[in-house]
C-alpha atoms as a PDB file:
ATOM      1  CA  MET A   1       7.805   1.361  -4.665  1.00  0.00           C
ATOM      2  CA  SER A   2       4.030   1.892  -4.696  1.00  0.00           C
ATOM      3  CA  GLU A   3       2.512   4.136  -7.355  1.00  0.00           C
ATOM      4  CA  ARG A   4       1.478   6.677  -4.724  1.00  0.00           C
ATOM      5  CA  ASN A   5       5.018   6.893  -3.391  1.00  0.00           C
ATOM      6  CA  ARG A   6       6.327   7.241  -6.938  1.00  0.00           C
ATOM      7  CA  LEU A   7       3.983  10.157  -7.615  1.00  0.00           C
ATOM      8  CA  GLN A   8       5.036  11.909  -4.417  1.00  0.00           C
ATOM      9  CA  LYS A   9       8.704  11.436  -5.354  1.00  0.00           C
ATOM     10  CA  ILE A  10       8.009  13.165  -8.676  1.00  0.00           C
ATOM     11  CA  LEU A  11       6.429  16.117  -6.851  1.00  0.00           C
ATOM     12  CA  GLU A  12       9.411  16.328  -4.516  1.00  0.00           C
ATOM     13  CA  ASP A  13      11.802  16.249  -7.471  1.00  0.00           C
ATOM     14  CA  ALA A  14       9.909  19.245  -8.885  1.00  0.00           C
ATOM     15  CA  ASN A  15      10.280  20.937  -5.461  1.00  0.00           C
ATOM     16  CA  ILE A  16       6.513  20.788  -4.924  1.00  0.00           C
ATOM     17  CA  LYS A  17       6.182  20.284  -1.158  1.00  0.00           C
ATOM     18  CA  LEU A  18       2.472  19.481  -1.160  1.00  0.00           C
ATOM     19  CA  SER A  19       2.762  16.761   1.486  1.00  0.00           C
ATOM     20  CA  ASN A  20       4.150  19.307   3.969  1.00  0.00           C
ATOM     21  CA  ILE A  21       0.784  21.076   4.056  1.00  0.00           C
ATOM     22  CA  VAL A  22      -1.787  18.536   2.851  1.00  0.00           C
ATOM     23  CA  SER A  23      -2.137  15.493   5.112  1.00  0.00           C
ATOM     24  CA  ASP A  24      -3.642  13.424   2.283  1.00  0.00           C
ATOM     25  CA  VAL A  25      -2.038  14.278  -1.052  1.00  0.00           C
ATOM     26  CA  PHE A  26      -4.610  12.034  -2.744  1.00  0.00           C
ATOM     27  CA  GLY A  27      -7.623  13.693  -1.130  1.00  0.00           C
ATOM     28  CA  LYS A  28      -9.860  16.190  -2.957  1.00  0.00           C
ATOM     29  CA  THR A  29      -7.520  19.179  -2.664  1.00  0.00           C
ATOM     30  CA  GLY A  30      -4.294  17.308  -3.374  1.00  0.00           C
ATOM     31  CA  TRP A  31      -5.694  15.376  -6.325  1.00  0.00           C
ATOM     32  CA  SER A  32      -7.220  18.503  -7.841  1.00  0.00           C
ATOM     33  CA  ILE A  33      -3.872  20.315  -7.611  1.00  0.00           C
ATOM     34  CA  ILE A  34      -2.035  17.372  -9.187  1.00  0.00           C
ATOM     35  CA  CYS A  35      -4.526  17.233 -12.074  1.00  0.00           C
ATOM     36  CA  HIS A  36      -4.147  20.969 -12.707  1.00  0.00           C
ATOM     37  CA  ILE A  37      -0.356  20.677 -12.681  1.00  0.00           C
ATOM     38  CA  ILE A  38      -0.620  17.936 -15.312  1.00  0.00           C
ATOM     39  CA  ASP A  39      -2.890  20.273 -17.326  1.00  0.00           C
ATOM     40  CA  GLN A  40      -0.103  22.885 -17.532  1.00  0.00           C
ATOM     41  CA  GLN A  41      -1.151  25.041 -14.570  1.00  0.00           C
ATOM     42  CA  THR A  42       1.914  26.250 -12.643  1.00  0.00           C
ATOM     43  CA  ASP A  43       0.769  29.445 -10.906  1.00  0.00           C
ATOM     44  CA  PRO A  44       1.073  28.726  -7.143  1.00  0.00           C
ATOM     45  CA  ILE A  45      -1.690  31.220  -6.322  1.00  0.00           C
ATOM     46  CA  LEU A  46      -4.166  29.611  -8.711  1.00  0.00           C
ATOM     47  CA  LEU A  47      -3.189  26.116  -7.586  1.00  0.00           C
ATOM     48  CA  ALA A  48      -3.561  27.080  -3.913  1.00  0.00           C
ATOM     49  CA  SER A  49      -7.027  28.488  -4.630  1.00  0.00           C
ATOM     50  CA  LEU A  50      -8.159  24.907  -5.289  1.00  0.00           C
ATOM     51  CA  ALA A  51      -7.993  24.239  -1.543  1.00  0.00           C
ATOM     52  CA  LYS A  52     -11.135  22.777  -0.007  1.00  0.00           C
ATOM     53  CA  GLY A  53     -12.465  22.563   3.535  1.00  0.00           C
ATOM     54  CA  THR A  54     -10.074  23.423   6.354  1.00  0.00           C
ATOM     55  CA  LEU A  55      -7.184  23.741   3.887  1.00  0.00           C
ATOM     56  CA  LYS A  56      -8.613  27.098   2.815  1.00  0.00           C
ATOM     57  CA  LYS A  57      -7.071  28.456   6.014  1.00  0.00           C
ATOM     58  CA  LYS A  58      -3.653  27.316   4.792  1.00  0.00           C
ATOM     59  CA  ILE A  59      -3.635  29.009   1.396  1.00  0.00           C
ATOM     60  CA  PRO A  60      -0.524  31.151   2.199  1.00  0.00           C
ATOM     61  CA  GLN A  61       1.403  28.014   3.194  1.00  0.00           C
ATOM     62  CA  LEU A  62       0.122  26.203   0.108  1.00  0.00           C
ATOM     63  CA  ILE A  63       1.334  29.000  -2.159  1.00  0.00           C
ATOM     64  CA  THR A  64       4.829  28.656  -0.705  1.00  0.00           C
ATOM     65  CA  ALA A  65       4.755  24.856  -0.972  1.00  0.00           C
ATOM     66  CA  LEU A  66       3.699  25.025  -4.635  1.00  0.00           C
ATOM     67  CA  LYS A  67       6.561  27.271  -5.767  1.00  0.00           C
ATOM     68  CA  GLY A  68       8.426  24.500  -7.506  1.00  0.00           C
ATOM     69  CA  LYS A  69       9.966  24.028 -10.921  1.00  0.00           C
ATOM     70  CA  ILE A  70       7.821  21.705 -13.004  1.00  0.00           C
ATOM     71  CA  THR A  71       9.252  20.442 -16.282  1.00  0.00           C
ATOM     72  CA  ASP A  72       7.473  18.684 -19.146  1.00  0.00           C
ATOM     73  CA  HIS A  73       9.121  15.467 -17.993  1.00  0.00           C
ATOM     74  CA  HIS A  74       7.618  15.925 -14.528  1.00  0.00           C
ATOM     75  CA  ARG A  75       4.181  16.365 -16.084  1.00  0.00           C
ATOM     76  CA  PHE A  76       4.640  13.280 -18.232  1.00  0.00           C
ATOM     77  CA  MET A  77       5.654  11.181 -15.231  1.00  0.00           C
ATOM     78  CA  LEU A  78       2.838  12.615 -13.079  1.00  0.00           C
ATOM     79  CA  GLU A  79       0.283  11.766 -15.750  1.00  0.00           C
ATOM     80  CA  THR A  80       1.727   8.256 -16.079  1.00  0.00           C
ATOM     81  CA  SER A  81       1.341   7.706 -12.329  1.00  0.00           C
ATOM     82  CA  LYS A  82      -2.129   9.277 -12.357  1.00  0.00           C
ATOM     83  CA  LEU A  83      -3.299   6.891 -15.094  1.00  0.00           C
ATOM     84  CA  ALA A  84      -1.799   3.927 -13.241  1.00  0.00           C
ATOM     85  CA  LEU A  85      -3.588   4.920 -10.019  1.00  0.00           C
ATOM     86  CA  GLU A  86      -6.884   5.369 -11.858  1.00  0.00           C
ATOM     87  CA  ASN A  87      -6.463   1.924 -13.406  1.00  0.00           C
ATOM     88  CA  ILE A  88      -5.761   0.401  -9.987  1.00  0.00           C
ATOM     89  CA  GLN A  89      -8.884   2.082  -8.590  1.00  0.00           C
ATOM     90  CA  GLN A  90     -10.953   0.707 -11.481  1.00  0.00           C
ATOM     91  CA  GLN A  91      -9.715  -2.799 -10.669  1.00  0.00           C
ATOM     92  CA  ILE A  92     -10.501  -2.284  -6.971  1.00  0.00           C
ATOM     93  CA  ASP A  93     -14.027  -1.119  -7.865  1.00  0.00           C
ATOM     94  CA  ARG A  94     -14.465  -4.137 -10.159  1.00  0.00           C
ATOM     95  CA  ILE A  95     -13.378  -6.571  -7.433  1.00  0.00           C
ATOM     96  CA  ASP A  96     -15.552  -4.760  -4.897  1.00  0.00           C
ATOM     97  CA  ARG A  97     -18.621  -5.176  -7.127  1.00  0.00           C
ATOM     98  CA  ARG A  98     -17.811  -8.867  -7.500  1.00  0.00           C
ATOM     99  CA  LEU A  99     -17.534  -9.251  -3.739  1.00  0.00           C
ATOM    100  CA  GLU A 100     -20.822  -7.406  -3.197  1.00  0.00           C
ATOM    101  CA  ASP A 101     -22.512  -9.810  -5.634  1.00  0.00           C
ATOM    102  CA  TYR A 102     -21.004 -12.767  -3.780  1.00  0.00           C
ATOM    103  CA  ILE A 103     -22.079 -11.710  -0.297  1.00  0.00           C
ATOM    104  CA  GLN A 104     -25.651 -11.062  -1.449  1.00  0.00           C
ATOM    105  CA  SER A 105     -26.140 -14.808  -1.031  1.00  0.00           C
ATOM    106  CA  TYR A 106     -24.912 -14.507   2.549  1.00  0.00           C
ATOM    107  CA  SER A 107     -26.750 -11.378   3.636  1.00  0.00           C
ATOM    108  CA  THR A 108     -27.858 -13.007   6.918  1.00  0.00           C
ATOM    109  CA  GLN A 109     -24.271 -13.850   7.877  1.00  0.00           C
ATOM    110  CA  VAL A 110     -22.981 -10.419   6.914  1.00  0.00           C
ATOM    111  CA  GLU A 111     -25.720  -8.661   8.893  1.00  0.00           C
ATOM    112  CA  LEU A 112     -24.872 -10.829  11.891  1.00  0.00           C
ATOM    113  CA  LEU A 113     -21.170  -9.960  11.612  1.00  0.00           C
ATOM    114  CA  GLU A 114     -22.106  -6.279  11.546  1.00  0.00           C
ATOM    115  CA  THR A 115     -23.602  -6.617  15.040  1.00  0.00           C
ATOM    116  CA  ILE A 116     -20.098  -7.241  16.418  1.00  0.00           C
ATOM    117  CA  PRO A 117     -18.677  -3.991  17.864  1.00  0.00           C
ATOM    118  CA  GLY A 118     -16.226  -2.425  15.423  1.00  0.00           C
ATOM    119  CA  VAL A 119     -17.368  -4.480  12.423  1.00  0.00           C
ATOM    120  CA  SER A 120     -18.836  -2.287   9.685  1.00  0.00           C
ATOM    121  CA  HIS A 121     -20.167  -3.497   6.335  1.00  0.00           C
ATOM    122  CA  GLU A 122     -16.762  -2.838   4.742  1.00  0.00           C
ATOM    123  CA  THR A 123     -15.009  -4.712   7.542  1.00  0.00           C
ATOM    124  CA  ALA A 124     -17.380  -7.656   7.145  1.00  0.00           C
ATOM    125  CA  LYS A 125     -16.632  -7.716   3.413  1.00  0.00           C
ATOM    126  CA  GLY A 126     -12.909  -7.725   4.113  1.00  0.00           C
ATOM    127  CA  ILE A 127     -13.265 -10.649   6.509  1.00  0.00           C
ATOM    128  CA  VAL A 128     -15.431 -12.595   4.056  1.00  0.00           C
ATOM    129  CA  ALA A 129     -12.971 -11.919   1.227  1.00  0.00           C
ATOM    130  CA  GLU A 130     -10.157 -13.493   3.244  1.00  0.00           C
ATOM    131  CA  ILE A 131     -11.810 -16.432   5.024  1.00  0.00           C
ATOM    132  CA  GLY A 132     -15.290 -16.883   3.559  1.00  0.00           C
ATOM    133  CA  PHE A 133     -17.979 -18.478   5.732  1.00  0.00           C
ATOM    134  CA  ASP A 134     -16.834 -22.090   5.849  1.00  0.00           C
ATOM    135  CA  MET A 135     -15.015 -22.344   9.183  1.00  0.00           C
ATOM    136  CA  SER A 136     -14.611 -26.126   8.868  1.00  0.00           C
ATOM    137  CA  VAL A 137     -11.370 -25.619   6.920  1.00  0.00           C
ATOM    138  CA  PHE A 138      -9.748 -24.539  10.189  1.00  0.00           C
ATOM    139  CA  PRO A 139      -9.270 -27.226  12.893  1.00  0.00           C
ATOM    140  CA  SER A 140     -10.078 -24.708  15.627  1.00  0.00           C
ATOM    141  CA  GLY A 141     -10.605 -21.042  16.364  1.00  0.00           C
ATOM    142  CA  GLN A 142      -7.030 -20.819  17.608  1.00  0.00           C
ATOM    143  CA  HIS A 143      -5.724 -22.146  14.282  1.00  0.00           C
ATOM    144  CA  LEU A 144      -7.632 -19.428  12.452  1.00  0.00           C
ATOM    145  CA  ALA A 145      -6.459 -16.782  14.924  1.00  0.00           C
ATOM    146  CA  SER A 146      -2.869 -17.908  14.409  1.00  0.00           C
ATOM    147  CA  TRP A 147      -3.337 -17.842  10.621  1.00  0.00           C
ATOM    148  CA  ALA A 148      -4.757 -14.320  10.932  1.00  0.00           C
ATOM    149  CA  GLY A 149      -1.800 -13.168  13.026  1.00  0.00           C
ATOM    150  CA  VAL A 150      -3.867 -12.125  16.047  1.00  0.00           C
ATOM    151  CA  CYS A 151      -2.959 -14.994  18.340  1.00  0.00           C
ATOM    152  CA  PRO A 152      -0.200 -14.032  20.830  1.00  0.00           C
ATOM    153  CA  GLY A 153       1.670 -17.007  22.263  1.00  0.00           C
ATOM    154  CA  ASN A 154       0.242 -18.107  25.582  1.00  0.00           C
ATOM    155  CA  ASN A 155       3.373 -18.728  27.635  1.00  0.00           C
ATOM    156  CA  GLU A 156       2.392 -19.139  31.250  1.00  0.00           C
ATOM    157  CA  SER A 157       4.094 -21.074  34.021  1.00  0.00           C
ATOM    158  CA  ALA A 158       3.135 -21.298  37.696  1.00  0.00           C
ATOM    159  CA  GLY A 159       0.630 -18.507  37.188  1.00  0.00           C
ATOM    160  CA  LYS A 160       3.265 -16.165  35.723  1.00  0.00           C
ATOM    161  CA  LYS A 161       2.971 -14.840  32.189  1.00  0.00           C
ATOM    162  CA  LYS A 162       6.142 -14.709  30.145  1.00  0.00           C
ATOM    163  CA  SER A 163       6.734 -12.426  27.175  1.00  0.00           C
ATOM    164  CA  SER A 164       5.137 -13.909  24.075  1.00  0.00           C
ATOM    165  CA  ARG A 165       5.603 -13.406  20.377  1.00  0.00           C
ATOM    166  CA  VAL A 166       2.738 -12.395  18.107  1.00  0.00           C
ATOM    167  CA  THR A 167       2.452 -14.513  14.974  1.00  0.00           C
ATOM    168  CA  HIS A 168       2.708 -12.662  11.657  1.00  0.00           C
ATOM    169  CA  GLY A 169      -0.164 -14.380   9.828  1.00  0.00           C
ATOM    170  CA  ASN A 170      -2.302 -13.041   6.995  1.00  0.00           C
ATOM    171  CA  LYS A 171      -1.375  -9.353   6.783  1.00  0.00           C
ATOM    172  CA  ILE A 172      -4.592  -8.268   5.066  1.00  0.00           C
ATOM    173  CA  LEU A 173      -6.913 -10.017   7.514  1.00  0.00           C
ATOM    174  CA  LYS A 174      -4.805  -8.861  10.455  1.00  0.00           C
ATOM    175  CA  THR A 175      -5.069  -5.245   9.256  1.00  0.00           C
ATOM    176  CA  VAL A 176      -8.855  -5.529   8.860  1.00  0.00           C
ATOM    177  CA  LEU A 177      -9.247  -7.025  12.341  1.00  0.00           C
ATOM    178  CA  VAL A 178      -6.955  -4.491  14.028  1.00  0.00           C
ATOM    179  CA  GLU A 179      -8.854  -1.619  12.369  1.00  0.00           C
ATOM    180  CA  ALA A 180     -12.108  -3.161  13.606  1.00  0.00           C
ATOM    181  CA  ALA A 181     -10.587  -3.488  17.077  1.00  0.00           C
ATOM    182  CA  TRP A 182      -9.570   0.171  17.070  1.00  0.00           C
ATOM    183  CA  THR A 183     -13.118   1.151  16.098  1.00  0.00           C
ATOM    184  CA  ALA A 184     -14.540  -1.110  18.816  1.00  0.00           C
ATOM    185  CA  THR A 185     -12.442   0.614  21.483  1.00  0.00           C
ATOM    186  CA  ARG A 186     -14.240   3.856  20.669  1.00  0.00           C
ATOM    187  CA  VAL A 187     -17.793   2.474  20.905  1.00  0.00           C
ATOM    188  CA  LYS A 188     -19.466   4.167  23.862  1.00  0.00           C
ATOM    189  CA  ASN A 189     -20.199   1.726  26.700  1.00  0.00           C
ATOM    190  CA  GLY A 190     -19.064  -1.157  24.490  1.00  0.00           C
ATOM    191  CA  TRP A 191     -17.902  -4.347  26.210  1.00  0.00           C
ATOM    192  CA  LEU A 192     -14.841  -4.549  23.972  1.00  0.00           C
ATOM    193  CA  LYS A 193     -13.903  -0.992  24.909  1.00  0.00           C
ATOM    194  CA  ASN A 194     -13.990  -1.885  28.603  1.00  0.00           C
ATOM    195  CA  LYS A 195     -11.978  -5.036  27.940  1.00  0.00           C
ATOM    196  CA  TYR A 196      -9.396  -3.047  25.956  1.00  0.00           C
ATOM    197  CA  TYR A 197      -8.696  -0.636  28.802  1.00  0.00           C
ATOM    198  CA  ALA A 198      -8.520  -3.500  31.292  1.00  0.00           C
ATOM    199  CA  ILE A 199      -5.855  -5.242  29.190  1.00  0.00           C
ATOM    200  CA  ILE A 200      -3.822  -2.051  28.646  1.00  0.00           C
ATOM    201  CA  ALA A 201      -2.953  -1.922  32.333  1.00  0.00           C
ATOM    202  CA  ARG A 202      -1.355  -5.377  32.132  1.00  0.00           C
ATOM    203  CA  ARG A 203       0.016  -5.680  28.609  1.00  0.00           C
ATOM    204  CA  GLY A 204       0.196  -2.251  26.974  1.00  0.00           C
ATOM    205  CA  LYS A 205      -1.755  -0.686  24.090  1.00  0.00           C
ATOM    206  CA  LYS A 206      -0.349  -2.739  21.209  1.00  0.00           C
ATOM    207  CA  ARG A 207      -1.077  -6.127  22.753  1.00  0.00           C
ATOM    208  CA  ALA A 208      -4.408  -4.884  24.091  1.00  0.00           C
ATOM    209  CA  LEU A 209      -5.461  -3.955  20.551  1.00  0.00           C
ATOM    210  CA  LEU A 210      -4.371  -7.372  19.251  1.00  0.00           C
ATOM    211  CA  ALA A 211      -6.320  -9.021  22.064  1.00  0.00           C
ATOM    212  CA  ILE A 212      -9.471  -7.170  20.972  1.00  0.00           C
ATOM    213  CA  ALA A 213      -8.811  -8.123  17.329  1.00  0.00           C
ATOM    214  CA  HIS A 214      -8.568 -11.744  18.511  1.00  0.00           C
ATOM    215  CA  LYS A 215     -11.890 -11.474  20.370  1.00  0.00           C
ATOM    216  CA  ILE A 216     -13.559 -10.022  17.267  1.00  0.00           C
ATOM    217  CA  LEU A 217     -12.287 -12.939  15.169  1.00  0.00           C
ATOM    218  CA  ILE A 218     -13.537 -15.479  17.726  1.00  0.00           C
ATOM    219  CA  ALA A 219     -16.941 -13.737  17.601  1.00  0.00           C
ATOM    220  CA  VAL A 220     -16.872 -13.991  13.790  1.00  0.00           C
ATOM    221  CA  ILE A 221     -16.258 -17.746  14.065  1.00  0.00           C
ATOM    222  CA  ARG A 222     -19.097 -18.247  16.561  1.00  0.00           C
ATOM    223  CA  TYR A 223     -21.553 -16.159  14.558  1.00  0.00           C
ATOM    224  CA  SER A 224     -20.674 -17.977  11.325  1.00  0.00           C
ATOM    225  CA  LYS A 225     -21.196 -21.360  12.995  1.00  0.00           C
ATOM    226  CA  LYS A 226     -24.485 -20.128  14.457  1.00  0.00           C
ATOM    227  CA  VAL A 227     -25.809 -19.240  10.997  1.00  0.00           C
ATOM    228  CA  CYS A 228     -24.657 -22.610   9.637  1.00  0.00           C
ATOM    229  CA  LEU A 229     -26.588 -24.411  12.390  1.00  0.00           C
ATOM    230  CA  ILE A 230     -29.721 -22.397  11.627  1.00  0.00           C
ATOM    231  CA  LYS A 231     -29.408 -23.182   7.905  1.00  0.00           C
ATOM    232  CA  ASN A 232     -28.899 -26.899   8.562  1.00  0.00           C
ATOM    233  CA  ARG A 233     -32.093 -27.020  10.640  1.00  0.00           C
ATOM    234  CA  GLN A 234     -34.174 -25.366   7.923  1.00  0.00           C
END
């Protein structure tokens, strides 16, 4: 069980139904309420008054959701989970700083990756963290795509496509690429957006999204090789 799930289970055990009203329990409003509960605050009205943004319109519902029974044990367990989550975030920040330092040496490559529709700076970092810039370790683009889990089987006979299985691959890289693909499908007048909707008609949304993720990865490979060629000529 993840630490976030554990914390939510503790709230539920105390009959605090925060997740029924707040879409992100770990956002500004949810986290503030949790911290105040740990600090001995139990008044539902005062806790609900911590609402921020659009949640201010849901204060009556929040008051009802916060009418639980919080014991000292609940507070102890909530604080334990809170400290664990803060420690995890510190480690994430530490790794992120390390990665930022690393990619400083490859700023040209990263900037080039960011020109691919759907690929933000964070996405580029995620890709670099998983595969680096040395594409020679993969025999071909298809090998890398298969390793990333965005390479549907190409079963075709006599011009007819048969149902194909998507490889599982590297879950982290696959997630990064699919998120980039989803972003790319919302880029106005983007070529990947047009391609996405063309594929939907034939293969459905899920496979269309994977197809776009595959195209983004192939673009990453080509761009990385392009930079390597430029560097070798210098």
